[in-house]
Protein backbone atom coordinates (compact mmCIF):
# COMPACT_ATOMS: atom_id res chain seq x y z
CA MET A 1 0.00 0.00 0.00
CA ASP A 2 1.31 3.45 -0.91
CA TRP A 3 1.83 5.81 2.00
CA ILE A 4 1.79 9.60 1.92
CA ILE A 5 2.10 12.35 4.51
CA ILE A 6 -0.15 15.40 4.18
CA VAL A 7 1.27 18.51 5.90
CA ASP A 8 -1.30 21.30 6.15
CA ASP A 9 -2.36 23.57 9.00
CA ASP A 10 -5.99 23.49 7.79
CA SER A 11 -7.48 20.45 9.51
CA GLU A 12 -10.54 20.38 7.20
CA ILE A 13 -8.44 20.36 4.01
CA ARG A 14 -6.21 17.71 5.57
CA ALA A 15 -9.15 15.51 6.51
CA LEU A 16 -10.83 15.89 3.11
CA ALA A 17 -7.69 15.02 1.16
CA ALA A 18 -7.04 12.08 3.47
CA SER A 19 -10.56 10.77 3.00
CA ILE A 20 -10.30 10.93 -0.82
CA LEU A 21 -6.91 9.23 -0.93
CA THR A 22 -7.82 6.56 1.65
CA ARG A 23 -10.76 5.48 -0.56
CA GLU A 24 -8.22 5.02 -3.37
CA GLY A 25 -6.19 2.59 -1.25
CA VAL A 26 -3.54 5.07 -0.06
CA ARG A 27 -2.42 5.12 3.59
CA VAL A 28 -2.38 8.71 4.88
CA THR A 29 -0.67 10.39 7.83
CA GLY A 30 -1.80 13.95 8.56
CA LEU A 31 0.46 16.56 10.18
CA SER A 32 -0.24 20.24 10.87
CA SER A 33 3.12 22.00 10.36
CA GLY A 34 6.57 21.81 8.85
CA LEU A 35 8.16 21.51 12.27
CA GLU A 36 5.82 18.64 13.09
CA LEU A 37 6.90 16.87 9.89
CA LEU A 38 10.60 17.27 10.68
CA GLY A 39 10.08 15.95 14.22
CA TYR A 40 7.95 13.09 12.95
CA ILE A 41 10.35 12.02 10.23
CA GLU A 42 13.51 12.20 12.36
CA GLY A 43 15.06 8.78 12.76
CA MET A 44 12.52 7.05 10.55
CA SER A 45 14.08 4.24 8.57
CA LEU A 46 11.07 3.58 6.32
CA PHE A 47 10.05 6.76 4.53
CA PRO A 48 6.68 7.63 2.92
CA ASP A 49 6.16 7.29 -0.82
CA LEU A 50 5.23 10.99 -1.16
CA ILE A 51 4.77 14.17 0.87
CA LEU A 52 1.94 16.62 0.10
CA LEU A 53 3.15 19.91 1.55
CA ASP A 54 1.30 23.17 2.16
CA ILE A 55 3.29 26.40 1.62
CA GLU A 56 1.75 28.94 4.02
CA MET A 57 1.89 27.48 7.52
CA PRO A 58 2.71 28.76 11.01
CA GLY A 59 6.32 28.41 12.18
CA ILE A 60 8.22 27.67 9.01
CA ASP A 61 6.69 27.75 5.56
CA GLY A 62 6.66 24.91 3.04
CA PHE A 63 9.77 26.12 1.23
CA GLU A 64 11.88 26.17 4.40
CA THR A 65 10.38 22.82 5.42
CA LEU A 66 11.42 21.27 2.09
CA VAL A 67 14.96 22.66 2.39
CA ARG A 68 15.39 21.29 5.92
CA PHE A 69 13.77 17.98 5.01
CA LYS A 70 16.09 17.37 2.06
CA ASP A 71 19.16 18.43 4.04
CA LYS A 72 18.32 16.30 7.05
CA CYS A 73 16.43 13.30 5.69
CA ASP A 74 16.53 13.04 1.91
CA PRO A 75 19.68 14.57 0.36
CA ASP A 76 19.32 12.36 -2.73
CA GLY A 77 15.78 13.58 -3.39
CA GLU A 78 14.27 10.10 -3.46
CA ILE A 79 10.95 11.08 -1.83
CA PRO A 80 8.70 13.10 -4.17
CA VAL A 81 7.23 16.27 -2.67
CA ILE A 82 4.17 17.99 -4.14
CA PHE A 83 3.31 21.50 -2.96
CA PHE A 84 -0.31 21.92 -1.92
CA THR A 85 -1.36 25.57 -2.07
CA GLY A 86 -4.14 28.04 -2.76
CA ILE A 87 -1.70 30.63 -4.09
CA ASN A 88 -1.45 30.99 -7.87
CA ASP A 89 1.89 32.71 -8.33
CA LYS A 90 4.39 32.00 -11.13
CA GLU A 91 7.49 33.03 -9.14
CA MET A 92 6.43 30.89 -6.19
CA GLU A 93 5.95 27.89 -8.46
CA ILE A 94 9.39 28.40 -10.05
CA ARG A 95 10.97 28.60 -6.59
CA GLY A 96 9.26 25.41 -5.46
CA LEU A 97 10.39 23.45 -8.52
CA GLN A 98 13.95 24.77 -8.12
CA LEU A 99 13.95 23.47 -4.54
CA GLY A 100 13.06 20.01 -5.79
CA ALA A 101 9.25 19.74 -5.69
CA VAL A 102 7.89 17.50 -8.45
CA ASP A 103 4.50 19.21 -8.87
CA PHE A 104 1.97 21.73 -7.56
CA ILE A 105 -1.67 20.98 -6.70
CA ARG A 106 -3.97 23.98 -6.26
CA LYS A 107 -6.54 24.43 -3.51
CA PRO A 108 -9.47 24.08 -3.76
CA PHE A 109 -8.77 20.84 -5.58
CA TYR A 110 -10.69 18.37 -7.69
CA PRO A 111 -10.62 14.87 -6.17
CA GLU A 112 -9.80 13.23 -9.53
CA ILE A 113 -6.84 15.59 -10.13
CA LEU A 114 -5.53 15.12 -6.59
CA THR A 115 -5.65 11.34 -6.94
CA LEU A 116 -4.19 11.16 -10.44
CA ARG A 117 -1.27 13.51 -9.77
CA ILE A 118 -0.33 11.80 -6.53
CA LYS A 119 -0.55 8.30 -7.99
CA ARG A 120 1.45 9.29 -11.08
CA ALA A 121 4.15 10.91 -8.94
CA ILE A 122 4.39 7.77 -6.79
CA GLU A 123 4.46 5.48 -9.85
CA LEU A 124 7.25 7.55 -11.42
CA SER A 125 9.23 7.44 -8.15
CA HIS A 126 8.80 3.65 -7.91
CA LEU A 127 9.87 3.28 -11.55
CA GLN A 128 13.02 5.37 -11.00
CA LYS A 129 13.96 3.36 -7.91
CA SER A 130 13.29 0.09 -9.72
CA LEU A 131 15.50 1.19 -12.61
CA SER A 132 18.27 2.18 -10.18
CA ARG A 133 18.11 -1.23 -8.51
CA GLU A 134 18.16 -2.96 -11.90
CA VAL A 135 21.20 -0.93 -13.03
CA ALA A 136 22.99 -1.76 -9.75
CA LYS A 137 22.12 -5.45 -10.20
CA LYS A 138 23.44 -5.48 -13.77
CA SER A 139 26.57 -3.68 -12.63
CA ARG A 140 27.20 -6.39 -10.02
CA GLU A 141 26.58 -9.09 -12.61
CA ASN A 142 29.01 -7.40 -15.00
CA SER A 143 31.64 -7.12 -12.24
CA ARG A 144 31.36 -10.82 -11.51
CA LEU A 145 31.52 -11.70 -15.20
CA THR A 146 34.56 -9.44 -15.66
CA LEU A 147 36.38 -11.10 -12.77
CA HIS A 148 35.66 -14.59 -14.12
CA VAL A 149 36.83 -13.59 -17.61
CA VAL A 150 40.03 -12.11 -16.16
CA GLN A 151 40.66 -15.21 -14.04
CA THR A 152 40.18 -17.44 -17.09
CA LEU A 153 42.58 -15.28 -19.13
CA ALA A 154 45.17 -15.38 -16.33
CA GLU A 155 44.89 -19.17 -16.13
CA THR A 156 45.36 -19.39 -19.92
CA ILE A 157 48.54 -17.30 -19.69
CA ASP A 158 49.89 -19.34 -16.77
CA ALA A 159 49.21 -22.55 -18.71
CA LYS A 160 51.91 -21.50 -21.19
CA ASP A 161 54.46 -22.25 -18.46
CA THR A 162 54.42 -25.87 -17.33
CA TYR A 163 56.12 -24.95 -14.06
CA THR A 164 54.14 -21.90 -12.90
CA ASN A 165 50.49 -22.91 -12.99
CA GLY A 166 48.50 -20.54 -10.76
CA HIS A 167 51.26 -17.90 -10.65
CA SER A 168 49.03 -14.95 -11.64
CA SER A 169 46.33 -15.92 -9.15
CA ARG A 170 48.86 -16.15 -6.33
CA VAL A 171 50.46 -12.81 -7.23
CA ALA A 172 46.98 -11.26 -7.22
CA ILE A 173 46.28 -12.67 -3.76
CA TYR A 174 49.62 -11.58 -2.28
CA SER A 175 49.14 -8.11 -3.81
CA ARG A 176 45.71 -7.86 -2.21
CA LEU A 177 47.09 -8.92 1.18
CA ILE A 178 49.84 -6.30 1.01
CA ALA A 179 47.43 -3.58 -0.13
CA GLY A 180 45.14 -4.41 2.79
CA ARG A 181 48.05 -3.99 5.25
CA MET A 182 48.80 -0.62 3.60
CA GLY A 183 45.28 0.64 4.33
CA TYR A 184 43.78 0.31 0.85
CA SER A 185 39.97 0.40 0.70
CA GLU A 186 38.06 -2.76 -0.27
CA GLU A 187 37.49 -1.33 -3.75
CA ASP A 188 41.18 -0.52 -4.21
CA GLN A 189 42.14 -4.00 -2.96
CA ASP A 190 39.80 -5.46 -5.59
CA ASN A 191 41.43 -3.30 -8.25
CA ILE A 192 44.96 -4.43 -7.36
CA TYR A 193 43.73 -8.03 -7.31
CA MET A 194 42.62 -7.58 -10.93
CA MET A 195 45.95 -5.92 -11.79
CA GLY A 196 47.80 -8.86 -10.24
CA LEU A 197 45.79 -11.37 -12.24
CA LEU A 198 46.79 -9.64 -15.49
CA HIS A 199 50.34 -8.50 -14.70
CA ASP A 200 51.85 -11.17 -16.99
CA VAL A 201 49.29 -10.89 -19.82
CA GLY A 202 52.12 -9.82 -22.16
CA LYS A 203 53.59 -13.33 -21.97
CA ILE A 204 50.92 -14.30 -24.44
CA GLY A 205 53.33 -12.94 -27.05
CA VAL A 206 56.40 -14.86 -25.80
CA PRO A 207 57.08 -18.24 -27.49
CA ASP A 208 56.26 -21.22 -25.27
CA TRP A 209 59.67 -22.81 -25.84
CA ILE A 210 61.42 -19.79 -24.32
CA ILE A 211 59.11 -19.69 -21.30
CA ASN A 212 59.61 -23.43 -20.66
CA LYS A 213 63.33 -23.59 -21.41
CA THR A 214 65.14 -25.43 -18.61
CA SER A 215 68.65 -24.30 -19.49
CA HIS A 216 70.19 -20.83 -19.27
CA LEU A 217 68.55 -18.21 -21.53
CA THR A 218 70.67 -16.56 -24.19
CA ASP A 219 70.78 -12.76 -24.34
CA GLU A 220 68.40 -12.80 -27.31
CA GLU A 221 65.95 -15.08 -25.49
CA PHE A 222 66.05 -12.89 -22.38
CA LEU A 223 65.30 -9.85 -24.57
CA GLU A 224 62.19 -11.67 -25.81
CA ILE A 225 61.12 -12.32 -22.22
CA LYS A 226 61.71 -8.65 -21.34
CA LYS A 227 59.20 -7.58 -24.00
CA HIS A 228 56.22 -8.94 -22.11
CA PRO A 229 55.59 -5.82 -19.94
CA VAL A 230 55.31 -3.61 -23.05
CA VAL A 231 53.11 -6.15 -24.84
CA GLY A 232 50.89 -6.38 -21.75
CA ASP A 233 50.68 -2.60 -21.56
CA LYS A 234 49.53 -2.40 -25.20
CA ILE A 235 46.87 -5.05 -24.64
CA LEU A 236 45.46 -3.58 -21.41
CA LYS A 237 45.58 0.07 -22.47
CA LYS A 238 42.62 -0.69 -24.72
CA ILE A 239 40.50 -1.34 -21.62
CA THR A 240 39.87 2.36 -21.02
CA GLU A 241 37.35 1.68 -18.24
CA MET A 242 40.17 0.30 -16.03
CA PRO A 243 43.33 2.32 -16.82
CA LEU A 244 45.28 0.97 -13.84
CA LEU A 245 45.36 -2.55 -15.31
CA ALA A 246 48.04 -1.47 -17.79
CA CYS A 247 50.17 0.09 -15.04
CA GLY A 248 50.62 -3.25 -13.25
CA ALA A 249 51.49 -5.07 -16.46
CA ARG A 250 54.05 -2.50 -17.67
CA TRP A 251 55.97 -1.67 -14.53
CA HIS A 252 56.03 -4.76 -12.30
CA HIS A 253 59.67 -5.41 -13.33
CA GLU A 254 60.88 -1.90 -12.54
CA ARG A 255 63.29 -1.51 -9.59
CA ILE A 256 63.53 1.18 -6.95
CA ASP A 257 67.17 1.84 -7.93
CA GLY A 258 66.21 2.44 -11.57
CA ASN A 259 67.82 -0.73 -12.95
CA GLY A 260 64.58 -2.45 -13.90
CA TYR A 261 62.75 -2.64 -17.22
CA PRO A 262 61.17 -1.62 -19.58
CA ASP A 263 61.47 2.11 -18.72
CA GLY A 264 64.15 2.28 -16.02
CA LEU A 265 61.85 4.12 -13.59
CA LYS A 266 63.08 4.56 -10.04
CA GLY A 267 61.67 5.32 -6.61
CA ASP A 268 58.28 7.02 -6.57
CA GLU A 269 58.30 7.28 -10.37
CA ILE A 270 57.02 3.69 -10.25
CA PRO A 271 53.26 3.65 -9.41
CA GLU A 272 52.66 2.21 -5.94
CA GLN A 273 50.43 -0.56 -7.27
CA ALA A 274 53.24 -1.74 -9.56
CA ARG A 275 55.66 -1.65 -6.62
CA ILE A 276 53.28 -3.88 -4.65
CA ILE A 277 52.92 -6.35 -7.54
CA ALA A 278 56.74 -6.40 -7.97
CA VAL A 279 57.19 -7.68 -4.40
CA ALA A 280 54.33 -10.17 -4.73
CA ASP A 281 55.72 -11.40 -8.07
CA ALA A 282 59.21 -11.87 -6.66
CA TYR A 283 57.84 -13.71 -3.61
CA ASP A 284 55.89 -16.16 -5.77
CA ALA A 285 58.87 -16.66 -8.12
CA MET A 286 60.98 -17.75 -5.14
CA THR A 287 58.29 -19.89 -3.48
CA SER A 288 57.26 -21.75 -6.67
CA ASN A 289 58.92 -24.61 -8.57
CA ARG A 290 60.49 -23.29 -11.75
CA SER A 291 61.98 -24.97 -14.82
CA TYR A 292 65.48 -24.09 -13.62
CA ARG A 293 65.13 -24.75 -9.85
CA ASN A 294 62.82 -25.87 -7.04
CA GLN A 295 61.08 -23.49 -4.62
CA LEU A 296 63.40 -21.90 -2.07
CA PRO A 297 63.31 -22.41 1.71
CA GLN A 298 61.27 -19.78 3.52
CA ASP A 299 64.21 -18.26 5.42
CA MET A 300 66.10 -17.79 2.15
CA VAL A 301 63.06 -16.08 0.60
CA ARG A 302 62.85 -13.70 3.55
CA ASP A 303 66.58 -12.93 3.34
CA GLU A 304 66.36 -12.20 -0.40
CA ILE A 305 63.51 -9.74 0.11
CA GLU A 306 65.40 -8.13 2.98
CA LYS A 307 68.50 -7.75 0.75
CA GLY A 308 66.38 -6.22 -2.02
CA LYS A 309 64.99 -3.39 0.17
CA GLY A 310 65.86 -0.01 -1.31
CA THR A 311 67.40 -1.48 -4.47
CA GLN A 312 64.91 -3.87 -6.04
CA PHE A 313 61.95 -3.28 -3.73
CA ASP A 314 60.13 -0.42 -2.06
CA PRO A 315 61.34 -0.78 1.60
CA ARG A 316 57.88 -0.22 3.11
CA ILE A 317 56.26 -2.83 0.87
CA ALA A 318 59.14 -5.27 1.39
CA ASP A 319 58.71 -4.91 5.17
CA ILE A 320 55.03 -5.81 4.88
CA MET A 321 55.92 -8.89 2.83
CA ILE A 322 58.51 -9.88 5.44
CA GLU A 323 55.87 -9.39 8.14
CA LEU A 324 53.52 -11.76 6.25
CA ILE A 325 56.35 -14.31 5.91
CA LYS A 326 57.08 -14.17 9.66
CA GLU A 327 53.40 -14.78 10.41
CA ASP A 328 53.36 -17.75 8.02
CA VAL A 329 55.27 -19.98 10.44
CA ARG A 330 54.25 -23.22 8.69
CA TYR A 331 55.18 -21.92 5.22
CA GLU A 332 51.62 -22.35 3.97
CA MET A 333 51.55 -19.27 1.75
CA ARG A 334 53.28 -20.85 -1.26
CA GLU A 335 52.68 -23.00 -4.31
CA GLY A 336 51.64 -26.55 -3.50
CA ALA A 337 50.77 -26.06 0.19
CA ALA A 338 47.26 -27.37 0.90
CA GLU A 339 46.57 -24.56 3.35
CA GLY A 340 47.91 -22.04 0.88
CA SER A 341 45.56 -23.36 -1.78
CA ALA A 342 42.69 -22.95 0.63
CA LEU A 343 43.82 -19.36 1.28
CA HIS A 344 43.88 -18.68 -2.46
CA GLN A 345 40.41 -20.15 -2.93
CA ARG A 346 39.03 -18.16 -0.01
CA SER A 347 40.61 -14.92 -1.27
CA GLU A 348 39.10 -15.39 -4.71
CA GLU A 349 35.67 -16.10 -3.21
CA GLU A 350 35.91 -13.04 -0.94
CA THR A 351 36.82 -10.85 -3.90
CA ILE A 352 33.88 -12.18 -5.91
CA ARG A 353 31.52 -11.62 -2.98
CA HIS A 354 32.73 -8.06 -2.54
CA MET A 355 32.52 -7.28 -6.25
CA ASP A 356 29.02 -8.76 -6.22
CA ASP A 357 28.23 -6.33 -3.39
CA MET A 358 26.63 -9.18 -1.46
CA THR A 359 26.68 -7.80 2.05
CA ALA A 360 25.89 -10.23 4.87
CA LEU A 361 24.20 -9.32 8.13
CA PRO A 362 26.89 -8.88 10.80
CA GLU A 363 27.02 -11.61 13.45
CA ALA A 364 26.72 -8.93 16.14
CA LEU A 365 23.37 -7.92 14.67
CA LEU A 366 22.01 -11.45 14.48
CA VAL A 367 22.56 -11.96 18.23
CA LEU A 368 20.68 -8.79 19.23
CA THR A 369 17.56 -10.19 20.89
CA GLU A 370 15.89 -6.76 20.77
CA LEU A 371 15.59 -6.93 16.97
CA ASP A 372 13.59 -9.16 14.66
CA THR A 373 15.98 -8.96 11.70
CA SER A 374 13.64 -10.96 9.46
CA LEU A 375 10.96 -8.32 9.91
CA GLY A 376 13.49 -5.52 9.39
CA LEU A 377 14.63 -7.07 6.11
CA GLU A 378 11.02 -7.53 5.04
CA TYR A 379 10.36 -3.81 5.52
CA CYS A 380 13.66 -2.54 4.11
CA GLY A 381 14.13 -5.01 1.25
CA GLU A 382 17.88 -5.14 0.60
CA ILE A 383 20.49 -5.90 3.29
CA GLU A 384 22.34 -2.65 2.51
CA ASP A 385 19.12 -0.66 2.98
CA TYR A 386 18.46 -2.41 6.28
CA LEU A 387 21.95 -1.64 7.60
CA LEU A 388 21.54 2.00 6.53
CA ALA A 389 18.14 2.13 8.26
CA LEU A 390 19.73 0.83 11.48
CA GLN A 391 22.41 3.51 11.25
CA ILE A 392 19.82 6.28 10.73
CA PHE A 393 17.75 4.94 13.63
CA ALA A 394 20.79 4.79 15.95
CA ASP A 395 21.98 8.29 15.06
CA SER A 396 18.59 9.79 15.96
CA ILE A 397 18.16 8.06 19.33
CA PRO A 398 19.76 10.74 21.59
CA SER A 399 17.92 13.71 20.07
CA LYS A 400 14.56 11.98 19.68
CA ALA A 401 14.63 10.53 23.20
CA ALA A 402 15.42 14.01 24.52
CA LYS A 403 12.52 15.52 22.55
CA ILE A 404 10.06 12.94 23.89
CA LYS A 405 11.19 13.69 27.47
CA GLU A 406 11.05 17.48 26.88
CA ALA A 407 7.53 17.28 25.43
CA LEU A 408 6.37 15.22 28.41
CA ASP A 409 8.04 17.51 30.95
CA ALA A 410 6.46 20.56 29.25
CA GLY A 411 3.02 18.95 29.21
CA ASP A 412 2.91 19.22 25.40
CA ILE A 413 0.87 16.05 24.89
CA GLN A 414 0.13 16.75 21.23
CA ASN A 415 3.82 16.93 20.35
CA TYR A 416 4.57 13.97 22.62
CA THR A 417 1.95 11.88 20.81
CA THR A 418 3.37 12.81 17.42
CA LEU A 419 6.87 11.83 18.52
CA VAL A 420 5.90 8.43 19.93
CA HIS A 421 3.79 7.77 16.82
CA SER A 422 6.91 8.39 14.71
CA LEU A 423 8.99 6.13 17.00
CA LYS A 424 6.35 3.41 16.70
CA SER A 425 6.74 3.38 12.90
CA SER A 426 10.53 3.68 12.73
CA ALA A 427 11.08 1.02 15.42
CA ARG A 428 8.83 -1.47 13.65
CA ALA A 429 10.63 -0.80 10.34
CA ILE A 430 13.92 -2.06 11.82
CA GLY A 431 12.31 -4.94 13.73
CA ALA A 432 12.39 -3.41 17.24
CA ILE A 433 8.99 -4.89 18.09
CA ASP A 434 8.96 -4.31 21.87
CA ILE A 435 9.78 -0.62 21.45
CA SER A 436 7.22 -0.24 18.66
CA ASP A 437 4.45 -1.93 20.67
CA LEU A 438 5.18 0.19 23.73
CA ALA A 439 5.23 3.38 21.64
CA LYS A 440 1.88 2.34 20.14
CA GLU A 441 0.36 1.98 23.62
CA LEU A 442 1.74 5.38 24.65
CA GLU A 443 0.41 6.96 21.44
CA ALA A 444 -3.05 5.68 22.36
CA ALA A 445 -2.58 7.06 25.89
CA GLY A 446 -1.60 10.43 24.38
CA ASN A 447 -4.68 10.52 22.18
CA ALA A 448 -6.80 9.71 25.26
CA GLU A 449 -4.86 12.31 27.32
CA ASP A 450 -4.06 9.63 29.90
CA ILE A 451 -1.37 11.72 31.60
CA ALA A 452 -0.89 9.29 34.49
CA GLY A 453 -0.36 6.33 32.16
CA ILE A 454 2.07 8.33 30.00
CA LYS A 455 4.16 9.42 32.99
CA GLU A 456 4.25 5.90 34.37
CA ARG A 457 5.38 4.12 31.17
CA THR A 458 7.46 6.66 29.27
CA PRO A 459 10.64 6.01 31.35
CA GLN A 460 10.37 2.34 30.34
CA LEU A 461 10.10 3.33 26.67
CA LEU A 462 13.08 5.69 26.87
CA GLU A 463 15.19 3.09 28.68
CA LYS A 464 14.55 0.43 26.01
CA TYR A 465 15.00 2.99 23.22
CA SER A 466 18.27 4.43 24.53
CA ALA A 467 19.71 0.96 25.25
CA LEU A 468 19.73 0.24 21.50
CA GLU A 469 22.05 3.15 20.68
CA ALA A 470 25.37 1.55 21.70
CA PRO A 471 24.94 -1.87 20.01
CA LEU A 472 23.59 -0.31 16.79
CA LYS A 473 26.41 2.24 16.58
CA ALA A 474 28.95 -0.52 17.21
CA LEU A 475 27.63 -2.23 14.05
CA SER A 476 28.50 0.78 11.86
CA LYS A 477 32.04 0.84 13.32
CA ASP A 478 32.50 -2.82 12.46
């Protein structure tokens, strides 16, 4: 059922509009002022489908109400607002549309026009949101497809070398681990994972017999090998949507001292992502079986990376790799180790999950007995929307609890009733059933002006309400 809020200081107009819309299957909440709307909406995690807003009202007018509402509750303009006014003024209409209103309805109004304009505005809003969700879904599907294509390509390249199967995947994983230790965001870790997968794509142009040669390479053969960063750069530069892919392929054999190839870059001239991949690549080269030697002992690998600090490797990145080696006391992070293979599989799965944007409910949320998460998900739809609703709800607890107490202390029962009515709705939307049911009882007491009952039970409501703040805010930190 569609839900709208009518904000108008004229109780008769409000009641008439509500009656017309209710007969058309629309749920209506009536409020008498802009300030009442802002107090009502604060902390709500499930917003109305549309707001019908009068312009001339006591306190703050409709324009100021819309500005505050968008700033505080709806910065993305997802909730359509229609101005509801008896004033026929061109400049006023221009101002309202500039502020973000989607339409104007004149008073006195025709019931058919009121119903049609509101329903069309809601349908358009639903269509826009549905399209946004569909675009996001397709984007996630494309990300997953892209990752699988890249993984398949990397495996094809690795298959050229009999002795280094899985090399690109391992370099991608080590690069992601290092980037995580360096404070990279999840998105940037995903990007460097992709760069690691494709760092050797240029080897597609190197003859197999050179790659698999077991004896010493001649100078000419080594020159052929050294071409692969440039070839990789040319291939990946054509993927303009992901320009960093080419950077990893071209510069992962550069050295900090400037003696690398193909461009002889040194120090910070080498992009940081390429410096990370260089360390990860060298680590896997030493911990894998090659055509010309077996994998090296772990202490020798650590010593080689230590010796390369400041000449071959960026010292900070080398130190992180050494830290990872020290933590890997059983030498599991290498080719052929069963535990290492499990790590690689898990890392790939985690990357896919993140690129799919498949957020899971935190364990700390699932154990909160105060919340019915199934109900919260039913109201909010997507997991991301539910987590955002919980954050909004938590952020509003201190101010809204204070307002409820202030209204009660001041004897302002009308405002108190509005506030607990709002809390009833927002609490139910996140699955806080006990709080919602208690707020519903206190709303009824407010409507009946049962002052004694309100004073007796409000402390219990505020205690339960305030107790949710800490655990919900801890979720956003996690």
